[in-house]
Protein backbone atom coordinates (compact mmCIF):
# COMPACT_ATOMS: atom_id res chain seq x y z
CA MET A 1 0.13 -0.16 0.12
CA ALA A 2 2.79 2.31 -0.99
CA SER A 3 1.81 5.90 -1.27
CA THR A 4 3.39 8.47 -3.17
CA ILE A 5 3.22 10.65 -0.06
CA PRO A 6 5.34 9.82 3.03
CA CYS A 7 3.50 9.37 6.02
CA SER A 8 6.17 11.54 7.50
CA THR A 9 4.94 14.64 5.57
CA LEU A 10 1.64 13.97 6.18
CA HIS A 11 1.97 13.82 9.83
CA ALA A 12 4.29 16.72 10.24
CA TRP A 13 1.60 18.79 8.24
CA VAL A 14 -1.07 17.51 10.79
CA ASP A 15 0.88 18.52 13.61
CA ALA A 16 2.24 22.29 12.18
CA HIS A 17 -1.88 22.95 12.05
CA PHE A 18 -3.01 20.97 15.06
CA ASP A 19 -3.89 24.32 16.82
CA GLU A 20 -5.85 25.22 13.96
CA GLN A 21 -7.74 21.81 14.23
CA VAL A 22 -8.54 22.10 18.18
CA ALA A 23 -9.96 25.68 17.86
CA LEU A 24 -12.02 24.09 14.65
CA LEU A 25 -13.49 21.67 17.45
CA GLN A 26 -14.35 24.37 19.53
CA ARG A 27 -15.92 26.40 17.59
CA LEU A 28 -18.02 23.48 16.38
CA VAL A 29 -18.82 22.35 20.18
CA ALA A 30 -19.67 25.89 20.70
CA VAL A 31 -23.03 25.20 18.51
CA PRO A 32 -25.58 23.42 20.16
CA THR A 33 -27.08 20.27 18.25
CA ASP A 34 -29.14 19.02 20.96
CA THR A 35 -31.49 15.97 19.63
CA PRO A 36 -34.37 16.47 20.91
CA PRO A 37 -35.32 19.19 19.69
CA GLY A 38 -33.00 18.44 16.67
CA ASP A 39 -32.88 22.28 15.22
CA ASN A 40 -29.56 21.27 13.39
CA ALA A 41 -29.55 23.34 10.24
CA PRO A 42 -27.41 26.30 11.95
CA HIS A 43 -24.89 23.78 12.99
CA ALA A 44 -24.52 22.88 9.15
CA GLU A 45 -24.43 26.42 8.35
CA THR A 46 -21.69 27.27 10.39
CA VAL A 47 -19.50 24.28 9.17
CA ALA A 48 -20.48 25.47 5.37
CA ALA A 49 -19.44 28.87 6.20
CA ILE A 50 -16.03 27.62 7.42
CA LEU A 51 -15.69 25.35 4.34
CA GLU A 52 -16.31 27.99 1.87
CA GLY A 53 -14.13 30.53 3.72
CA TRP A 54 -11.28 28.02 2.60
CA GLY A 55 -12.33 28.21 -0.90
CA TRP A 56 -14.25 24.86 -0.76
CA GLU A 57 -17.66 23.75 -2.62
CA VAL A 58 -20.27 22.73 -0.42
CA GLU A 59 -23.34 21.21 -0.95
CA ARG A 60 -26.52 21.88 1.07
CA HIS A 61 -29.48 19.37 1.07
CA ALA A 62 -31.98 20.38 3.42
CA VAL A 63 -34.80 17.74 4.35
CA PRO A 64 -38.14 19.30 3.90
CA ASP A 65 -40.03 20.96 6.50
CA GLU A 66 -42.86 18.44 6.44
CA GLU A 67 -40.52 15.64 6.55
CA MET A 68 -38.91 17.27 10.00
CA GLN A 69 -42.22 17.66 11.54
CA ALA A 70 -43.54 14.46 10.85
CA TYR A 71 -40.05 12.90 12.07
CA GLY A 72 -40.20 14.74 15.15
CA MET A 73 -37.79 17.17 14.40
CA ARG A 74 -37.11 20.73 14.05
CA SER A 75 -34.68 20.95 10.95
CA ILE A 76 -31.67 19.09 9.10
CA THR A 77 -29.40 20.18 6.56
CA ASN A 78 -26.79 17.19 5.21
CA LEU A 79 -23.78 18.81 3.59
CA ILE A 80 -21.50 16.76 0.90
CA VAL A 81 -18.17 18.03 0.15
CA ARG A 82 -16.60 16.25 -2.82
CA ARG A 83 -13.10 16.78 -3.07
CA ARG A 84 -12.61 15.36 -6.78
CA TYR A 85 -9.14 14.47 -8.01
CA SER A 86 -9.73 12.71 -11.43
CA ALA A 87 -12.33 10.71 -13.01
CA ASP A 88 -11.07 7.32 -12.44
CA GLY A 89 -9.91 6.34 -9.18
CA PRO A 90 -12.07 5.26 -5.79
CA VAL A 91 -14.04 7.45 -4.21
CA LEU A 92 -14.19 7.47 0.05
CA ALA A 93 -16.80 8.64 1.71
CA LEU A 94 -16.07 9.94 5.28
CA ASN A 95 -19.04 10.26 7.39
CA ALA A 96 -19.56 11.83 10.90
CA HIS A 97 -22.58 12.94 12.33
CA GLY A 98 -23.30 16.61 14.26
CA ASP A 99 -26.62 15.93 16.24
CA VAL A 100 -25.98 14.75 19.91
CA VAL A 101 -28.06 14.51 22.70
CA PRO A 102 -28.73 16.81 25.28
CA PRO A 103 -26.24 17.71 27.72
CA GLY A 104 -28.37 16.55 30.87
CA GLU A 105 -27.07 17.22 34.43
CA GLY A 106 -23.99 16.73 36.00
CA TRP A 107 -21.22 19.33 34.33
CA THR A 108 -18.19 20.54 35.61
CA HIS A 109 -17.24 22.08 32.43
CA ASP A 110 -19.20 24.20 29.76
CA PRO A 111 -21.10 21.57 27.70
CA TYR A 112 -20.48 24.13 24.59
CA GLY A 113 -17.59 26.18 25.89
CA GLY A 114 -14.76 23.69 24.40
CA GLU A 115 -12.80 23.84 27.25
CA VAL A 116 -9.41 22.39 27.25
CA ALA A 117 -7.83 21.25 30.17
CA ASP A 118 -5.15 18.43 31.33
CA GLY A 119 -5.12 17.68 27.93
CA ARG A 120 -8.97 17.02 27.13
CA LEU A 121 -11.40 19.28 25.13
CA TYR A 122 -14.77 19.20 26.70
CA GLY A 123 -17.75 19.86 25.52
CA ARG A 124 -21.13 17.91 24.28
CA ALA A 125 -20.11 15.95 20.96
CA SER A 126 -16.63 16.65 21.47
CA ALA A 127 -15.86 13.08 21.11
CA VAL A 128 -18.89 11.78 19.43
CA SER A 129 -18.46 13.17 16.65
CA LYS A 130 -17.61 16.64 16.06
CA SER A 131 -14.07 15.41 16.51
CA ASP A 132 -14.27 13.68 13.55
CA PHE A 133 -15.43 16.73 11.42
CA THR A 134 -11.98 17.93 12.14
CA THR A 135 -10.20 14.68 11.90
CA TYR A 136 -11.60 14.07 8.49
CA LEU A 137 -11.23 17.89 7.39
CA HIS A 138 -7.52 18.32 8.31
CA ALA A 139 -6.65 14.44 6.99
CA VAL A 140 -8.04 15.80 3.62
CA ARG A 141 -6.36 18.96 4.41
CA ALA A 142 -2.78 17.29 4.62
CA LEU A 143 -3.45 15.04 1.94
CA GLU A 144 -3.95 17.85 -0.40
CA ALA A 145 -1.10 20.02 0.79
CA GLY A 146 1.19 17.10 0.08
CA GLY A 147 1.27 18.07 -3.58
CA ALA A 148 1.53 14.58 -5.55
CA PRO A 149 -1.00 13.62 -8.07
CA LEU A 150 -4.08 12.17 -6.74
CA LYS A 151 -7.25 10.03 -8.04
CA GLY A 152 -10.33 9.10 -7.29
CA ALA A 153 -12.47 11.56 -4.94
CA VAL A 154 -13.20 12.04 -1.37
CA GLU A 155 -16.63 12.86 -0.03
CA LEU A 156 -17.22 14.58 3.24
CA HIS A 157 -20.91 13.26 4.57
CA PHE A 158 -21.61 15.62 7.77
CA THR A 159 -25.04 14.25 8.52
CA TYR A 160 -27.56 15.46 11.20
CA ASP A 161 -29.77 12.26 11.98
CA GLU A 162 -27.77 9.59 14.30
CA GLU A 163 -29.68 10.09 17.48
CA PHE A 164 -33.13 9.25 15.73
CA GLY A 165 -31.69 6.84 13.56
CA GLY A 166 -29.77 8.21 10.40
CA LEU A 167 -32.94 7.85 7.79
CA LYS A 168 -32.76 11.41 7.35
CA GLY A 169 -29.05 11.77 7.21
CA PRO A 170 -26.74 9.17 5.21
CA GLY A 171 -29.66 7.37 4.42
CA TRP A 172 -31.60 10.15 3.19
CA LEU A 173 -28.77 11.09 0.86
CA LEU A 174 -27.98 7.51 -0.38
CA GLU A 175 -31.64 6.80 -1.09
CA ARG A 176 -31.87 9.76 -3.49
CA GLY A 177 -28.60 8.84 -5.22
CA LEU A 178 -26.75 11.61 -4.18
CA SER A 179 -23.77 9.69 -2.86
CA LYS A 180 -22.82 6.52 -4.22
CA PRO A 181 -18.84 5.98 -2.95
CA ASP A 182 -17.09 2.80 -3.22
CA TYR A 183 -15.93 2.89 0.27
CA ALA A 184 -16.99 4.35 3.47
CA ILE A 185 -15.29 5.44 6.95
CA CYS A 186 -17.86 6.42 9.84
CA ALA A 187 -16.84 7.95 13.11
CA SER A 188 -15.98 5.78 15.78
CA PHE A 189 -13.01 5.62 18.46
CA SER A 190 -9.58 5.73 17.70
CA TYR A 191 -7.99 2.68 19.01
CA ALA A 192 -9.87 0.07 17.30
CA VAL A 193 -11.62 -0.41 13.66
CA VAL A 194 -14.98 -1.22 14.27
CA THR A 195 -16.20 -3.73 11.18
CA ALA A 196 -19.68 -4.55 12.51
CA HIS A 197 -22.40 -3.08 15.03
CA ASN A 198 -25.49 -4.58 16.49
CA GLY A 199 -28.94 -3.55 14.79
CA CYS A 200 -31.90 -2.13 17.24
CA LEU A 201 -35.68 -2.59 17.36
CA GLN A 202 -37.43 -0.10 19.50
CA PHE A 203 -41.11 -0.17 19.98
CA GLU A 204 -43.90 1.93 21.52
CA ILE A 205 -46.44 -0.40 23.56
CA THR A 206 -49.73 1.07 24.33
CA VAL A 207 -51.63 -0.71 26.90
CA ASN A 208 -55.56 0.23 26.91
CA GLY A 209 -57.54 -0.23 29.52
CA LYS A 210 -60.71 1.93 31.38
CA ALA A 211 -59.92 4.95 33.50
CA THR A 212 -62.17 4.95 37.13
CA HIS A 213 -62.38 6.14 40.05
CA GLY A 214 -59.87 5.39 42.28
CA SER A 215 -62.03 4.68 45.28
CA ALA A 216 -63.87 1.79 42.98
CA PRO A 217 -61.11 0.24 40.98
CA LYS A 218 -63.10 -2.90 39.84
CA THR A 219 -65.58 -0.77 38.03
CA GLY A 220 -62.58 0.09 35.33
CA HIS A 221 -59.51 -1.61 33.80
CA ASP A 222 -56.44 -1.08 35.09
CA ALA A 223 -53.93 -0.57 32.23
CA LEU A 224 -50.86 -0.05 34.62
CA ARG A 225 -51.54 -3.50 36.05
CA ALA A 226 -51.93 -5.32 32.54
CA ALA A 227 -48.41 -3.31 31.60
CA SER A 228 -46.41 -4.58 34.90
CA ARG A 229 -47.24 -8.31 33.29
CA ILE A 230 -45.95 -7.08 29.82
CA LEU A 231 -42.77 -5.25 31.61
CA ASP A 232 -42.41 -8.62 33.27
CA GLU A 233 -42.52 -10.46 30.35
CA ILE A 234 -40.06 -7.93 28.85
CA TYR A 235 -37.41 -8.75 31.45
CA ARG A 236 -38.04 -12.43 31.66
CA GLN A 237 -37.31 -12.51 28.05
CA ALA A 238 -34.18 -10.31 28.56
CA ASP A 239 -32.40 -12.32 31.22
CA ALA A 240 -32.90 -15.44 28.72
CA LEU A 241 -31.01 -13.30 25.86
CA ASP A 242 -27.56 -13.68 27.93
CA GLY A 243 -27.41 -17.12 26.63
CA ILE A 244 -27.38 -16.18 22.76
CA HIS A 245 -23.96 -15.35 21.84
CA SER A 246 -22.29 -13.60 18.71
CA ARG A 247 -19.13 -14.93 16.86
CA ILE A 248 -17.79 -11.41 16.27
CA ASP A 249 -15.27 -10.14 18.98
CA GLY A 250 -16.15 -7.36 20.93
CA ILE A 251 -20.13 -8.21 20.62
CA THR A 252 -21.47 -10.46 23.11
CA HIS A 253 -25.00 -10.99 23.30
CA PRO A 254 -28.37 -9.58 22.51
CA THR A 255 -30.16 -6.83 24.60
CA MET A 256 -33.45 -5.53 25.99
CA ILE A 257 -34.82 -2.80 28.40
CA VAL A 258 -37.47 -0.42 28.53
CA GLY A 259 -36.24 3.08 28.68
CA ARG A 260 -39.59 5.17 29.42
CA ILE A 261 -43.05 4.63 30.98
CA ASP A 262 -45.60 6.87 30.47
CA GLY A 263 -49.06 6.69 32.04
CA GLY A 264 -52.15 7.85 34.46
CA THR A 265 -53.93 10.93 35.20
CA ASN A 266 -53.57 11.48 39.03
CA THR A 267 -52.78 9.49 41.93
CA ASN A 268 -56.82 8.64 42.86
CA VAL A 269 -57.75 7.53 38.96
CA VAL A 270 -57.13 4.23 37.92
CA PRO A 271 -55.02 4.32 34.73
CA GLY A 272 -56.36 4.04 31.66
CA LYS A 273 -53.57 4.16 29.22
CA VAL A 274 -50.18 3.50 29.48
CA VAL A 275 -47.23 3.54 27.20
CA LEU A 276 -43.71 1.57 27.53
CA LYS A 277 -41.02 2.21 24.95
CA MET A 278 -38.67 -0.70 24.89
CA ASP A 279 -35.58 -1.02 23.13
CA ARG A 280 -34.09 -4.47 21.75
CA ARG A 281 -30.32 -5.16 20.22
CA LEU A 282 -29.66 -7.31 17.77
CA ILE A 283 -26.55 -9.20 16.98
CA PRO A 284 -25.17 -9.13 13.79
CA GLU A 285 -26.22 -12.88 13.30
CA GLU A 286 -29.99 -12.53 14.10
CA ASP A 287 -33.05 -11.59 11.85
CA PRO A 288 -35.03 -8.72 12.53
CA ALA A 289 -38.32 -10.00 11.17
CA THR A 290 -37.92 -13.32 13.59
CA VAL A 291 -36.97 -11.01 16.23
CA GLU A 292 -39.79 -8.67 15.91
CA ALA A 293 -42.49 -11.57 15.54
CA GLU A 294 -41.00 -12.77 18.76
CA VAL A 295 -41.34 -9.69 20.69
CA ARG A 296 -45.35 -9.30 19.57
CA ALA A 297 -45.85 -12.72 20.43
CA PHE A 298 -44.91 -12.71 24.04
CA ILE A 299 -46.57 -9.19 24.46
CA ALA A 300 -49.41 -10.70 23.19
CA ALA A 301 -49.35 -13.89 25.59
CA ALA A 302 -48.93 -11.59 28.49
CA VAL A 303 -52.18 -9.87 28.78
CA ALA A 304 -54.14 -12.63 27.09
CA GLY A 305 -57.57 -13.35 28.71
CA LEU A 306 -57.17 -10.05 30.71
CA PRO A 307 -60.96 -8.26 30.10
CA GLY A 308 -61.07 -4.60 28.85
CA ILE A 309 -57.49 -4.38 27.92
CA THR A 310 -56.21 -4.25 24.25
CA VAL A 311 -52.63 -3.55 23.09
CA GLU A 312 -51.06 -1.82 20.27
CA VAL A 313 -47.46 -2.47 19.36
CA SER A 314 -45.78 0.24 16.94
CA ARG A 315 -42.09 -0.20 15.56
CA ILE A 316 -40.49 3.20 16.06
CA LEU A 317 -37.19 1.88 14.62
CA LEU A 318 -35.37 -0.76 12.49
CA ALA A 319 -31.30 -0.31 12.72
CA ARG A 320 -30.04 -3.20 10.82
CA ALA A 321 -26.70 -4.60 11.69
CA LEU A 322 -23.59 -3.52 10.19
CA ARG A 323 -22.10 -6.39 8.56
CA PRO A 324 -18.55 -6.79 6.77
CA LEU A 325 -19.10 -6.75 3.02
CA PRO A 326 -15.86 -7.91 0.56
CA GLY A 327 -13.72 -4.78 0.07
CA HIS A 328 -13.44 -3.95 3.53
CA GLU A 329 -10.65 -5.75 4.15
CA LYS A 330 -8.71 -3.14 2.61
CA LEU A 331 -10.01 -0.36 4.58
CA VAL A 332 -9.04 -2.79 7.70
CA ALA A 333 -5.65 -3.36 6.60
CA SER A 334 -4.97 0.35 5.88
CA LEU A 335 -6.10 1.42 9.30
CA GLN A 336 -4.92 -0.96 11.42
CA ALA A 337 -1.10 -0.30 9.94
CA HIS A 338 -1.20 3.16 10.28
CA ALA A 339 -2.99 3.45 13.22
CA ARG A 340 0.65 0.79 14.75
CA ALA A 341 2.59 3.08 13.60
CA VAL A 342 0.96 6.01 15.08
CA PHE A 343 -0.32 4.38 18.57
CA GLY A 344 2.87 1.81 18.79
CA GLU A 345 0.48 -0.90 19.56
CA ASP A 346 -1.76 -3.48 17.24
CA ILE A 347 -5.07 -2.21 16.59
CA PRO A 348 -7.98 -4.64 16.58
CA ALA A 349 -10.48 -4.94 14.11
CA VAL A 350 -13.95 -5.83 16.31
CA GLY A 351 -17.42 -5.40 16.39
CA THR A 352 -19.62 -2.88 18.83
CA PRO A 353 -22.81 -3.30 20.59
CA LEU A 354 -23.96 -0.06 19.72
CA TYR A 355 -25.73 0.93 16.36
CA ALA A 356 -24.82 3.72 14.18
CA ASP A 357 -24.80 5.39 10.52
CA ALA A 358 -22.34 3.06 8.97
CA ARG A 359 -25.09 0.29 8.63
CA LEU A 360 -26.58 2.51 5.82
CA TYR A 361 -23.53 2.80 4.02
CA ALA A 362 -23.62 -1.03 4.12
CA GLU A 363 -26.97 -1.50 3.20
CA HIS A 364 -26.28 0.28 0.17
CA GLY A 365 -23.65 -2.17 -0.72
CA VAL A 366 -20.53 -0.28 0.32
CA PRO A 367 -17.77 -1.72 2.25
CA THR A 368 -17.77 0.18 5.51
CA VAL A 369 -16.00 0.38 8.51
CA MET A 370 -15.75 2.66 11.53
CA TYR A 371 -12.42 4.75 12.59
CA GLY A 372 -12.16 8.13 14.13
CA ALA A 373 -11.09 9.94 17.17
CA GLY A 374 -11.62 8.96 20.85
CA PRO A 375 -10.55 6.51 23.54
CA ARG A 376 -10.57 2.81 23.17
CA THR A 377 -14.50 2.49 24.72
CA VAL A 378 -17.00 5.42 24.96
CA MET A 379 -17.19 4.85 28.70
CA GLU A 380 -13.80 6.26 28.78
CA SER A 381 -14.75 9.78 26.67
CA ARG A 382 -18.36 10.15 28.84
CA ALA A 383 -19.91 10.06 25.49
CA LYS A 384 -23.84 10.81 26.43
CA GLN A 385 -22.68 12.06 29.70
CA SER A 386 -21.74 14.90 31.59
CA ASP A 387 -18.08 15.88 31.08
CA GLU A 388 -17.91 14.09 27.74
CA HIS A 389 -14.17 15.09 26.28
CA VAL A 390 -11.70 14.06 23.28
CA ALA A 391 -8.13 13.34 24.80
CA LEU A 392 -5.85 16.08 22.03
CA GLU A 393 -3.47 13.57 21.43
CA ASP A 394 -5.84 10.96 20.44
CA LEU A 395 -7.56 13.55 18.04
CA ARG A 396 -3.82 14.15 16.80
CA GLY A 397 -3.11 10.57 16.15
CA ALA A 398 -6.51 9.76 14.41
CA THR A 399 -6.09 12.66 11.89
CA ARG A 400 -2.52 11.44 10.96
CA VAL A 401 -4.01 7.70 10.68
CA MET A 402 -7.07 9.05 8.22
CA ALA A 403 -4.46 11.35 6.19
CA CYS A 404 -1.84 8.29 5.62
CA VAL A 405 -5.42 5.92 4.80
CA LEU A 406 -6.21 8.32 2.45
CA ALA A 407 -3.09 8.39 0.90
CA ASP A 408 -3.14 4.85 0.29
CA PHE A 409 -6.39 4.61 -1.33
CA LEU A 410 -6.04 7.58 -3.60
CA ALA A 411 -2.27 7.13 -4.76
CA PRO A 412 -1.92 6.61 -9.04
CA GLY A 413 -0.36 3.18 -8.42
CA ARG A 414 -2.95 2.00 -6.00
CA PRO A 415 -5.25 -0.73 -7.73
């Protein structure tokens, strides 16, 4: 995989411009992209304006307002930046998402401040995944600054729907044929190359009964008592999932939780309606249709025979698992080789129990892996928790790695 641009040259450019990269990440963290509510178009406009200031062309692809309202978000403008070097050669898509969960409580640093302390940059989305906006951008800049001839193209896809499932982010771009890359690398963590991830089914379970006065509960039909049967069965089934094992390193077994419960009208009223929201993670070996049928069956069985009770089960998300496709091994080999050189240790290729936008590229037949700035695990970065941060040396290292990987794939002698 010899490149016409020495990695030492690329590393030197990254190092020389690293203060600029840190300042860029601070600017991106400063613009909130809390989802919900999901008003993410202002952040996309900030990114576009910065890149246009560099002289780059930026495509803005706004999801129509009516689609956003039905989807439960306020605004999305997805960005595509195409850096075309020649008519032949591969097209690599680099995808990072800007949307993120709200900060929540417990922060000791301003979640939008981008404060640097003890070699870390703090802020919501500093690790997942605004850091990789800068990882990918500065890797491309380093490549182009090398001055050597290149072939093919890089496309930067900056999207804003990972938290809701990606269908209005990368999925929206790919379904409309706005991009057809040959390979994709999606935001992740710097100490591993992720080649597979879990899928996810989410359901809204509405239990309907009949509300009545608390002094005469027998005159109604208690939706909460019925929901408690469903809840007990969900967790009984969840415990049994521990016995199902994935063959993929880094992925263990399926999981199932109830993440939200709403219901009732007042303390002295028998609840007439209760809503459960359930999350079922699928290992890559599982079939989503089979799992969904099983879930619907045990929910129905849990309340069978209860008078006056009806149950509606609505699927609110199907995120398919990421599975390796032929060609992904070329990405893995290049990433592992350069990450080993940068970080001084062997870099594993593993699966992750999370689900992410990467699956959407694979569903369109694109060999895809996940790689980017961050620590060995999500928990170390405190992603989705208070005081989320990225270690600056991890950011620098991942950018060095990505620059060399791009040189591998876009060098004229590359097959």
